[in-house]
Amino acid sequence: MFRNRTGEFIDAHEYPATTEELIEAYGDRDLELPNGSEQLGDVLGRLEGETFESADDAQLAVYSAVSDKAVGRVGYSDRDPTPLGSPYAPVPMSF
């Protein structure tokens, strides 16, 4: 996910650090995601008032807060059948 070296900057940042500090330092960086991109500031903005004790904590939080642009098919699971009437039901396809 961090193809543009954002992970390196997060790793190099001094911790503990707050959400606001990371947004100020790196908020304008774009995260390249499988279905588009998203600014790091927007992702971290979803985590109001967090304090990260380490770079690992910050990176895990970013992984948790990215939008659905970071996943393949939204609502897809190869483990469970889609419940009847679900808005995530796949569109029928003919092969």
PDB file of N, CA and C in Angstrom:
ATOM      1  N   MET A   1       0.826  -1.189   0.000  1.00  0.00           N
ATOM      2  CA  MET A   1       0.000   0.000   0.000  1.00  0.00           C
ATOM      3  C   MET A   1       0.871   1.253   0.000  1.00  0.00           C
ATOM      4  N   PHE A   2       2.030   1.219   0.612  1.00  0.00           N
ATOM      5  CA  PHE A   2       2.853   2.412   0.724  1.00  0.00           C
ATOM      6  C   PHE A   2       3.911   2.447  -0.377  1.00  0.00           C
ATOM      7  N   ARG A   3       3.491   2.442  -1.631  1.00  0.00           N
ATOM      8  CA  ARG A   3       4.424   2.414  -2.751  1.00  0.00           C
ATOM      9  C   ARG A   3       5.220   3.702  -2.894  1.00  0.00           C
ATOM     10  N   ASN A   4       4.719   4.808  -2.386  1.00  0.00           N
ATOM     11  CA  ASN A   4       5.403   6.086  -2.559  1.00  0.00           C
ATOM     12  C   ASN A   4       6.295   6.431  -1.366  1.00  0.00           C
ATOM     13  N   ARG A   5       6.748   5.439  -0.641  1.00  0.00           N
ATOM     14  CA  ARG A   5       7.667   5.578   0.490  1.00  0.00           C
ATOM     15  C   ARG A   5       7.037   6.227   1.712  1.00  0.00           C
ATOM     16  N   THR A   6       5.723   6.316   1.781  1.00  0.00           N
ATOM     17  CA  THR A   6       5.073   6.882   2.960  1.00  0.00           C
ATOM     18  C   THR A   6       5.407   6.050   4.192  1.00  0.00           C
ATOM     19  N   GLY A   7       5.492   4.744   4.038  1.00  0.00           N
ATOM     20  CA  GLY A   7       5.838   3.886   5.159  1.00  0.00           C
ATOM     21  C   GLY A   7       7.190   4.225   5.753  1.00  0.00           C
ATOM     22  N   GLU A   8       8.151   4.604   4.902  1.00  0.00           N
ATOM     23  CA  GLU A   8       9.472   4.984   5.386  1.00  0.00           C
ATOM     24  C   GLU A   8       9.408   6.249   6.230  1.00  0.00           C
ATOM     25  N   PHE A   9       8.587   7.206   5.815  1.00  0.00           N
ATOM     26  CA  PHE A   9       8.451   8.441   6.585  1.00  0.00           C
ATOM     27  C   PHE A   9       7.752   8.177   7.923  1.00  0.00           C
ATOM     28  N   ILE A  10       6.754   7.321   7.891  1.00  0.00           N
ATOM     29  CA  ILE A  10       6.076   6.967   9.138  1.00  0.00           C
ATOM     30  C   ILE A  10       7.062   6.257  10.070  1.00  0.00           C
ATOM     31  N   ASP A  11       7.877   5.367   9.515  1.00  0.00           N
ATOM     32  CA  ASP A  11       8.878   4.662  10.325  1.00  0.00           C
ATOM     33  C   ASP A  11       9.892   5.625  10.934  1.00  0.00           C
ATOM     34  N   ALA A  12      10.289   6.648  10.179  1.00  0.00           N
ATOM     35  CA  ALA A  12      11.324   7.572  10.631  1.00  0.00           C
ATOM     36  C   ALA A  12      10.806   8.631  11.603  1.00  0.00           C
ATOM     37  N   HIS A  13       9.495   8.769  11.700  1.00  0.00           N
ATOM     38  CA  HIS A  13       8.922   9.787  12.577  1.00  0.00           C
ATOM     39  C   HIS A  13       9.237   9.453  14.032  1.00  0.00           C
ATOM     40  N   GLU A  14       9.326  10.462  14.871  1.00  0.00           N
ATOM     41  CA  GLU A  14       9.611  10.259  16.293  1.00  0.00           C
ATOM     42  C   GLU A  14       8.316   9.945  17.045  1.00  0.00           C
ATOM     43  N   TYR A  15       8.339   8.902  17.851  1.00  0.00           N
ATOM     44  CA  TYR A  15       7.163   8.458  18.594  1.00  0.00           C
ATOM     45  C   TYR A  15       7.406   8.570  20.080  1.00  0.00           C
ATOM     46  N   PRO A  16       6.344   8.749  20.873  1.00  0.00           N
ATOM     47  CA  PRO A  16       4.925   8.751  20.513  1.00  0.00           C
ATOM     48  C   PRO A  16       4.560   9.978  19.677  1.00  0.00           C
ATOM     49  N   ALA A  17       3.539   9.795  18.860  1.00  0.00           N
ATOM     50  CA  ALA A  17       3.063  10.857  17.980  1.00  0.00           C
ATOM     51  C   ALA A  17       1.539  10.814  17.929  1.00  0.00           C
ATOM     52  N   THR A  18       0.939  11.969  17.763  1.00  0.00           N
ATOM     53  CA  THR A  18      -0.519  12.040  17.675  1.00  0.00           C
ATOM     54  C   THR A  18      -0.967  12.022  16.218  1.00  0.00           C
ATOM     55  N   THR A  19      -2.231  11.778  16.038  1.00  0.00           N
ATOM     56  CA  THR A  19      -2.825  11.822  14.706  1.00  0.00           C
ATOM     57  C   THR A  19      -2.552  13.171  14.062  1.00  0.00           C
ATOM     58  N   GLU A  20      -2.739  14.232  14.818  1.00  0.00           N
ATOM     59  CA  GLU A  20      -2.565  15.582  14.286  1.00  0.00           C
ATOM     60  C   GLU A  20      -1.132  15.829  13.834  1.00  0.00           C
ATOM     61  N   GLU A  21      -0.161  15.320  14.594  1.00  0.00           N
ATOM     62  CA  GLU A  21       1.244  15.494  14.202  1.00  0.00           C
ATOM     63  C   GLU A  21       1.557  14.780  12.901  1.00  0.00           C
ATOM     64  N   LEU A  22       1.035  13.574  12.749  1.00  0.00           N
ATOM     65  CA  LEU A  22       1.277  12.831  11.511  1.00  0.00           C
ATOM     66  C   LEU A  22       0.568  13.476  10.324  1.00  0.00           C
ATOM     67  N   ILE A  23      -0.632  14.001  10.548  1.00  0.00           N
ATOM     68  CA  ILE A  23      -1.341  14.688   9.467  1.00  0.00           C
ATOM     69  C   ILE A  23      -0.560  15.926   9.039  1.00  0.00           C
ATOM     70  N   GLU A  24      -0.063  16.678  10.016  1.00  0.00           N
ATOM     71  CA  GLU A  24       0.700  17.881   9.693  1.00  0.00           C
ATOM     72  C   GLU A  24       1.970  17.542   8.909  1.00  0.00           C
ATOM     73  N   ALA A  25       2.640  16.465   9.291  1.00  0.00           N
ATOM     74  CA  ALA A  25       3.901  16.096   8.652  1.00  0.00           C
ATOM     75  C   ALA A  25       3.713  15.418   7.300  1.00  0.00           C
ATOM     76  N   TYR A  26       2.697  14.553   7.161  1.00  0.00           N
ATOM     77  CA  TYR A  26       2.586  13.707   5.972  1.00  0.00           C
ATOM     78  C   TYR A  26       1.198  13.681   5.340  1.00  0.00           C
ATOM     79  N   GLY A  27       0.314  14.545   5.781  1.00  0.00           N
ATOM     80  CA  GLY A  27      -1.075  14.491   5.333  1.00  0.00           C
ATOM     81  C   GLY A  27      -1.286  14.663   3.850  1.00  0.00           C
ATOM     82  N   ASP A  28      -0.350  15.307   3.148  1.00  0.00           N
ATOM     83  CA  ASP A  28      -0.526  15.543   1.715  1.00  0.00           C
ATOM     84  C   ASP A  28      -0.014  14.390   0.853  1.00  0.00           C
ATOM     85  N   ARG A  29       0.508  13.352   1.463  1.00  0.00           N
ATOM     86  CA  ARG A  29       1.019  12.203   0.699  1.00  0.00           C
ATOM     87  C   ARG A  29      -0.142  11.326   0.227  1.00  0.00           C
ATOM     88  N   ASP A  30      -0.022  10.864  -1.001  1.00  0.00           N
ATOM     89  CA  ASP A  30      -1.037   9.982  -1.564  1.00  0.00           C
ATOM     90  C   ASP A  30      -0.669   8.529  -1.302  1.00  0.00           C
ATOM     91  N   LEU A  31      -1.650   7.757  -0.886  1.00  0.00           N
ATOM     92  CA  LEU A  31      -1.490   6.306  -0.758  1.00  0.00           C
ATOM     93  C   LEU A  31      -2.042   5.684  -2.026  1.00  0.00           C
ATOM     94  N   GLU A  32      -1.247   4.911  -2.709  1.00  0.00           N
ATOM     95  CA  GLU A  32      -1.699   4.211  -3.907  1.00  0.00           C
ATOM     96  C   GLU A  32      -2.411   2.939  -3.470  1.00  0.00           C
ATOM     97  N   LEU A  33      -3.677   2.837  -3.823  1.00  0.00           N
ATOM     98  CA  LEU A  33      -4.509   1.704  -3.419  1.00  0.00           C
ATOM     99  C   LEU A  33      -4.931   0.925  -4.654  1.00  0.00           C
ATOM    100  N   PRO A  34      -5.353  -0.316  -4.509  1.00  0.00           N
ATOM    101  CA  PRO A  34      -5.738  -1.122  -5.666  1.00  0.00           C
ATOM    102  C   PRO A  34      -6.833  -0.482  -6.529  1.00  0.00           C
ATOM    103  N   ASN A  35      -7.719   0.299  -5.926  1.00  0.00           N
ATOM    104  CA  ASN A  35      -8.824   0.900  -6.681  1.00  0.00           C
ATOM    105  C   ASN A  35      -8.782   2.420  -6.634  1.00  0.00           C
ATOM    106  N   GLY A  36      -7.592   3.001  -6.724  1.00  0.00           N
ATOM    107  CA  GLY A  36      -7.466   4.448  -6.706  1.00  0.00           C
ATOM    108  C   GLY A  36      -6.407   4.885  -5.717  1.00  0.00           C
ATOM    109  N   SER A  37      -6.547   6.093  -5.230  1.00  0.00           N
ATOM    110  CA  SER A  37      -5.606   6.606  -4.239  1.00  0.00           C
ATOM    111  C   SER A  37      -6.370   7.434  -3.211  1.00  0.00           C
ATOM    112  N   GLU A  38      -5.686   7.719  -2.128  1.00  0.00           N
ATOM    113  CA  GLU A  38      -6.303   8.470  -1.039  1.00  0.00           C
ATOM    114  C   GLU A  38      -5.188   9.199  -0.297  1.00  0.00           C
ATOM    115  N   GLN A  39      -5.455  10.414   0.142  1.00  0.00           N
ATOM    116  CA  GLN A  39      -4.435  11.150   0.884  1.00  0.00           C
ATOM    117  C   GLN A  39      -4.335  10.626   2.311  1.00  0.00           C
ATOM    118  N   LEU A  40      -3.099  10.549   2.796  1.00  0.00           N
ATOM    119  CA  LEU A  40      -2.853  10.059   4.143  1.00  0.00           C
ATOM    120  C   LEU A  40      -3.571  10.907   5.185  1.00  0.00           C
ATOM    121  N   GLY A  41      -3.677  12.209   4.948  1.00  0.00           N
ATOM    122  CA  GLY A  41      -4.389  13.089   5.876  1.00  0.00           C
ATOM    123  C   GLY A  41      -5.848  12.719   6.015  1.00  0.00           C
ATOM    124  N   ASP A  42      -6.490  12.319   4.906  1.00  0.00           N
ATOM    125  CA  ASP A  42      -7.887  11.893   4.961  1.00  0.00           C
ATOM    126  C   ASP A  42      -8.034  10.596   5.752  1.00  0.00           C
ATOM    127  N   VAL A  43      -7.087   9.682   5.544  1.00  0.00           N
ATOM    128  CA  VAL A  43      -7.133   8.403   6.261  1.00  0.00           C
ATOM    129  C   VAL A  43      -6.950   8.636   7.758  1.00  0.00           C
ATOM    130  N   LEU A  44      -5.916   9.398   8.115  1.00  0.00           N
ATOM    131  CA  LEU A  44      -5.655   9.644   9.532  1.00  0.00           C
ATOM    132  C   LEU A  44      -6.736  10.498  10.170  1.00  0.00           C
ATOM    133  N   GLY A  45      -7.418  11.313   9.376  1.00  0.00           N
ATOM    134  CA  GLY A  45      -8.505  12.133   9.897  1.00  0.00           C
ATOM    135  C   GLY A  45      -9.655  11.309  10.446  1.00  0.00           C
ATOM    136  N   ARG A  46      -9.759  10.064  10.030  1.00  0.00           N
ATOM    137  CA  ARG A  46     -10.808   9.173  10.551  1.00  0.00           C
ATOM    138  C   ARG A  46     -10.472   8.660  11.949  1.00  0.00           C
ATOM    139  N   LEU A  47      -9.249   8.899  12.390  1.00  0.00           N
ATOM    140  CA  LEU A  47      -8.775   8.401  13.689  1.00  0.00           C
ATOM    141  C   LEU A  47      -8.585   9.564  14.636  1.00  0.00           C
ATOM    142  N   GLU A  48      -9.634  10.207  14.984  1.00  0.00           N
ATOM    143  CA  GLU A  48      -9.577  11.415  15.797  1.00  0.00           C
ATOM    144  C   GLU A  48      -8.860  11.187  17.122  1.00  0.00           C
ATOM    145  N   GLY A  49      -7.878  12.037  17.409  1.00  0.00           N
ATOM    146  CA  GLY A  49      -7.261  12.089  18.718  1.00  0.00           C
ATOM    147  C   GLY A  49      -6.480  10.873  19.161  1.00  0.00           C
ATOM    148  N   GLU A  50      -5.948  10.089  18.250  1.00  0.00           N
ATOM    149  CA  GLU A  50      -5.155   8.915  18.637  1.00  0.00           C
ATOM    150  C   GLU A  50      -3.723   9.334  18.951  1.00  0.00           C
ATOM    151  N   THR A  51      -3.079   8.582  19.822  1.00  0.00           N
ATOM    152  CA  THR A  51      -1.657   8.724  20.070  1.00  0.00           C
ATOM    153  C   THR A  51      -1.013   7.380  19.772  1.00  0.00           C
ATOM    154  N   PHE A  52      -0.014   7.401  18.909  1.00  0.00           N
ATOM    155  CA  PHE A  52       0.659   6.176  18.493  1.00  0.00           C
ATOM    156  C   PHE A  52       1.984   6.064  19.229  1.00  0.00           C
ATOM    157  N   GLU A  53       2.217   4.919  19.845  1.00  0.00           N
ATOM    158  CA  GLU A  53       3.434   4.701  20.617  1.00  0.00           C
ATOM    159  C   GLU A  53       4.608   4.279  19.739  1.00  0.00           C
ATOM    160  N   SER A  54       4.314   3.777  18.534  1.00  0.00           N
ATOM    161  CA  SER A  54       5.381   3.311  17.646  1.00  0.00           C
ATOM    162  C   SER A  54       4.938   3.433  16.195  1.00  0.00           C
ATOM    163  N   ALA A  55       5.904   3.270  15.298  1.00  0.00           N
ATOM    164  CA  ALA A  55       5.598   3.294  13.864  1.00  0.00           C
ATOM    165  C   ALA A  55       4.677   2.142  13.491  1.00  0.00           C
ATOM    166  N   ASP A  56       4.862   0.992  14.122  1.00  0.00           N
ATOM    167  CA  ASP A  56       3.982  -0.153  13.844  1.00  0.00           C
ATOM    168  C   ASP A  56       2.540   0.179  14.196  1.00  0.00           C
ATOM    169  N   ASP A  57       2.328   0.845  15.332  1.00  0.00           N
ATOM    170  CA  ASP A  57       0.969   1.246  15.719  1.00  0.00           C
ATOM    171  C   ASP A  57       0.363   2.182  14.680  1.00  0.00           C
ATOM    172  N   ALA A  58       1.160   3.144  14.221  1.00  0.00           N
ATOM    173  CA  ALA A  58       0.666   4.107  13.234  1.00  0.00           C
ATOM    174  C   ALA A  58       0.333   3.421  11.912  1.00  0.00           C
ATOM    175  N   GLN A  59       1.203   2.537  11.458  1.00  0.00           N
ATOM    176  CA  GLN A  59       0.940   1.855  10.186  1.00  0.00           C
ATOM    177  C   GLN A  59      -0.281   0.943  10.282  1.00  0.00           C
ATOM    178  N   LEU A  60      -0.437   0.230  11.388  1.00  0.00           N
ATOM    179  CA  LEU A  60      -1.625  -0.612  11.553  1.00  0.00           C
ATOM    180  C   LEU A  60      -2.898   0.231  11.557  1.00  0.00           C
ATOM    181  N   ALA A  61      -2.826   1.409  12.167  1.00  0.00           N
ATOM    182  CA  ALA A  61      -3.986   2.299  12.180  1.00  0.00           C
ATOM    183  C   ALA A  61      -4.321   2.766  10.768  1.00  0.00           C
ATOM    184  N   VAL A  62      -3.309   3.085   9.983  1.00  0.00           N
ATOM    185  CA  VAL A  62      -3.551   3.504   8.595  1.00  0.00           C
ATOM    186  C   VAL A  62      -4.167   2.359   7.812  1.00  0.00           C
ATOM    187  N   TYR A  63      -3.640   1.156   7.957  1.00  0.00           N
ATOM    188  CA  TYR A  63      -4.219  -0.004   7.267  1.00  0.00           C
ATOM    189  C   TYR A  63      -5.688  -0.197   7.651  1.00  0.00           C
ATOM    190  N   SER A  64      -6.019   0.088   8.894  1.00  0.00           N
ATOM    191  CA  SER A  64      -7.385  -0.100   9.387  1.00  0.00           C
ATOM    192  C   SER A  64      -8.337   0.984   8.911  1.00  0.00           C
ATOM    193  N   ALA A  65      -7.811   2.164   8.599  1.00  0.00           N
ATOM    194  CA  ALA A  65      -8.679   3.311   8.318  1.00  0.00           C
ATOM    195  C   ALA A  65      -8.816   3.651   6.841  1.00  0.00           C
ATOM    196  N   VAL A  66      -8.115   2.953   5.952  1.00  0.00           N
ATOM    197  CA  VAL A  66      -8.270   3.271   4.533  1.00  0.00           C
ATOM    198  C   VAL A  66      -9.690   2.955   4.078  1.00  0.00           C
ATOM    199  N   SER A  67     -10.099   3.605   3.030  1.00  0.00           N
ATOM    200  CA  SER A  67     -11.459   3.420   2.512  1.00  0.00           C
ATOM    201  C   SER A  67     -11.572   2.101   1.754  1.00  0.00           C
ATOM    202  N   ASP A  68     -12.732   1.879   1.183  1.00  0.00           N
ATOM    203  CA  ASP A  68     -12.943   0.649   0.415  1.00  0.00           C
ATOM    204  C   ASP A  68     -12.174   0.639  -0.902  1.00  0.00           C
ATOM    205  N   LYS A  69     -11.424   1.694  -1.203  1.00  0.00           N
ATOM    206  CA  LYS A  69     -10.540   1.686  -2.371  1.00  0.00           C
ATOM    207  C   LYS A  69      -9.382   0.714  -2.166  1.00  0.00           C
ATOM    208  N   ALA A  70      -9.173   0.283  -0.932  1.00  0.00           N
ATOM    209  CA  ALA A  70      -8.067  -0.604  -0.606  1.00  0.00           C
ATOM    210  C   ALA A  70      -8.441  -2.076  -0.686  1.00  0.00           C
ATOM    211  N   VAL A  71      -9.701  -2.371  -0.927  1.00  0.00           N
ATOM    212  CA  VAL A  71     -10.123  -3.772  -0.987  1.00  0.00           C
ATOM    213  C   VAL A  71     -10.574  -4.113  -2.392  1.00  0.00           C
ATOM    214  N   GLY A  72     -10.615  -5.369  -2.677  1.00  0.00           N
ATOM    215  CA  GLY A  72     -11.110  -5.812  -3.979  1.00  0.00           C
ATOM    216  C   GLY A  72     -12.601  -5.554  -4.087  1.00  0.00           C
ATOM    217  N   ARG A  73     -13.370  -6.581  -4.096  1.00  0.00           N
ATOM    218  CA  ARG A  73     -14.823  -6.436  -4.174  1.00  0.00           C
ATOM    219  C   ARG A  73     -15.381  -6.163  -2.788  1.00  0.00           C
ATOM    220  N   VAL A  74     -16.079  -5.064  -2.629  1.00  0.00           N
ATOM    221  CA  VAL A  74     -16.651  -4.681  -1.343  1.00  0.00           C
ATOM    222  C   VAL A  74     -17.690  -5.708  -0.926  1.00  0.00           C
ATOM    223  N   GLY A  75     -17.580  -6.176   0.300  1.00  0.00           N
ATOM    224  CA  GLY A  75     -18.544  -7.133   0.835  1.00  0.00           C
ATOM    225  C   GLY A  75     -18.285  -8.565   0.404  1.00  0.00           C
ATOM    226  N   TYR A  76     -17.237  -8.818  -0.361  1.00  0.00           N
ATOM    227  CA  TYR A  76     -16.957 -10.163  -0.848  1.00  0.00           C
ATOM    228  C   TYR A  76     -16.336 -11.021   0.235  1.00  0.00           C
ATOM    229  N   SER A  77     -16.771 -12.232   0.324  1.00  0.00           N
ATOM    230  CA  SER A  77     -16.159 -13.213   1.199  1.00  0.00           C
ATOM    231  C   SER A  77     -16.235 -14.559   0.508  1.00  0.00           C
ATOM    232  N   ASP A  78     -15.123 -15.270   0.469  1.00  0.00           N
ATOM    233  CA  ASP A  78     -15.159 -16.607  -0.120  1.00  0.00           C
ATOM    234  C   ASP A  78     -15.467 -17.653   0.943  1.00  0.00           C
ATOM    235  N   ARG A  79     -15.817 -17.187   2.150  1.00  0.00           N
ATOM    236  CA  ARG A  79     -16.089 -18.110   3.243  1.00  0.00           C
ATOM    237  C   ARG A  79     -17.575 -18.322   3.503  1.00  0.00           C
ATOM    238  N   ASP A  80     -18.349 -17.286   3.340  1.00  0.00           N
ATOM    239  CA  ASP A  80     -19.761 -17.366   3.673  1.00  0.00           C
ATOM    240  C   ASP A  80     -20.617 -16.998   2.460  1.00  0.00           C
ATOM    241  N   PRO A  81     -21.753 -17.638   2.317  1.00  0.00           N
ATOM    242  CA  PRO A  81     -22.647 -17.216   1.232  1.00  0.00           C
ATOM    243  C   PRO A  81     -23.234 -15.836   1.539  1.00  0.00           C
ATOM    244  N   THR A  82     -23.538 -15.095   0.505  1.00  0.00           N
ATOM    245  CA  THR A  82     -24.150 -13.777   0.689  1.00  0.00           C
ATOM    246  C   THR A  82     -25.577 -13.961   1.174  1.00  0.00           C
ATOM    247  N   PRO A  83     -25.964 -13.297   2.260  1.00  0.00           N
ATOM    248  CA  PRO A  83     -27.334 -13.427   2.753  1.00  0.00           C
ATOM    249  C   PRO A  83     -28.346 -12.907   1.730  1.00  0.00           C
ATOM    250  N   LEU A  84     -29.518 -13.492   1.710  1.00  0.00           N
ATOM    251  CA  LEU A  84     -30.552 -13.038   0.797  1.00  0.00           C
ATOM    252  C   LEU A  84     -30.914 -11.594   1.078  1.00  0.00           C
ATOM    253  N   GLY A  85     -31.059 -10.795   0.038  1.00  0.00           N
ATOM    254  CA  GLY A  85     -31.439  -9.401   0.180  1.00  0.00           C
ATOM    255  C   GLY A  85     -30.287  -8.476   0.536  1.00  0.00           C
ATOM    256  N   SER A  86     -29.072  -8.987   0.607  1.00  0.00           N
ATOM    257  CA  SER A  86     -27.924  -8.167   0.958  1.00  0.00           C
ATOM    258  C   SER A  86     -27.614  -7.166  -0.152  1.00  0.00           C
ATOM    259  N   PRO A  87     -27.276  -5.922   0.212  1.00  0.00           N
ATOM    260  CA  PRO A  87     -26.893  -4.961  -0.823  1.00  0.00           C
ATOM    261  C   PRO A  87     -25.553  -5.309  -1.459  1.00  0.00           C
ATOM    262  N   TYR A  88     -24.824  -6.257  -0.875  1.00  0.00           N
ATOM    263  CA  TYR A  88     -23.527  -6.666  -1.411  1.00  0.00           C
ATOM    264  C   TYR A  88     -23.623  -7.917  -2.280  1.00  0.00           C
ATOM    265  N   ALA A  89     -24.822  -8.346  -2.578  1.00  0.00           N
ATOM    266  CA  ALA A  89     -24.987  -9.530  -3.409  1.00  0.00           C
ATOM    267  C   ALA A  89     -24.348  -9.281  -4.774  1.00  0.00           C
ATOM    268  N   PRO A  90     -23.629 -10.267  -5.305  1.00  0.00           N
ATOM    269  CA  PRO A  90     -22.980 -10.066  -6.592  1.00  0.00           C
ATOM    270  C   PRO A  90     -23.998  -9.933  -7.736  1.00  0.00           C
ATOM    271  N   VAL A  91     -23.590  -9.216  -8.737  1.00  0.00           N
ATOM    272  CA  VAL A  91     -24.419  -9.079  -9.935  1.00  0.00           C
ATOM    273  C   VAL A  91     -24.294 -10.383 -10.706  1.00  0.00           C
ATOM    274  N   PRO A  92     -25.414 -11.016 -11.070  1.00  0.00           N
ATOM    275  CA  PRO A  92     -25.325 -12.268 -11.816  1.00  0.00           C
ATOM    276  C   PRO A  92     -24.584 -12.061 -13.137  1.00  0.00           C
ATOM    277  N   MET A  93     -23.711 -13.010 -13.458  1.00  0.00           N
ATOM    278  CA  MET A  93     -22.943 -12.939 -14.697  1.00  0.00           C
ATOM    279  C   MET A  93     -23.150 -14.219 -15.477  1.00  0.00           C
ATOM    280  N   SER A  94     -23.113 -14.079 -16.779  1.00  0.00           N
ATOM    281  CA  SER A  94     -23.208 -15.247 -17.634  1.00  0.00           C
ATOM    282  C   SER A  94     -21.846 -15.440 -18.286  1.00  0.00           C
ATOM    283  N   PHE A  95     -21.319 -16.647 -18.185  1.00  0.00           N
ATOM    284  CA  PHE A  95     -20.031 -16.930 -18.794  1.00  0.00           C
ATOM    285  C   PHE A  95     -20.271 -17.626 -20.071  1.00  0.00           C
TER     286      PHE A  95
END
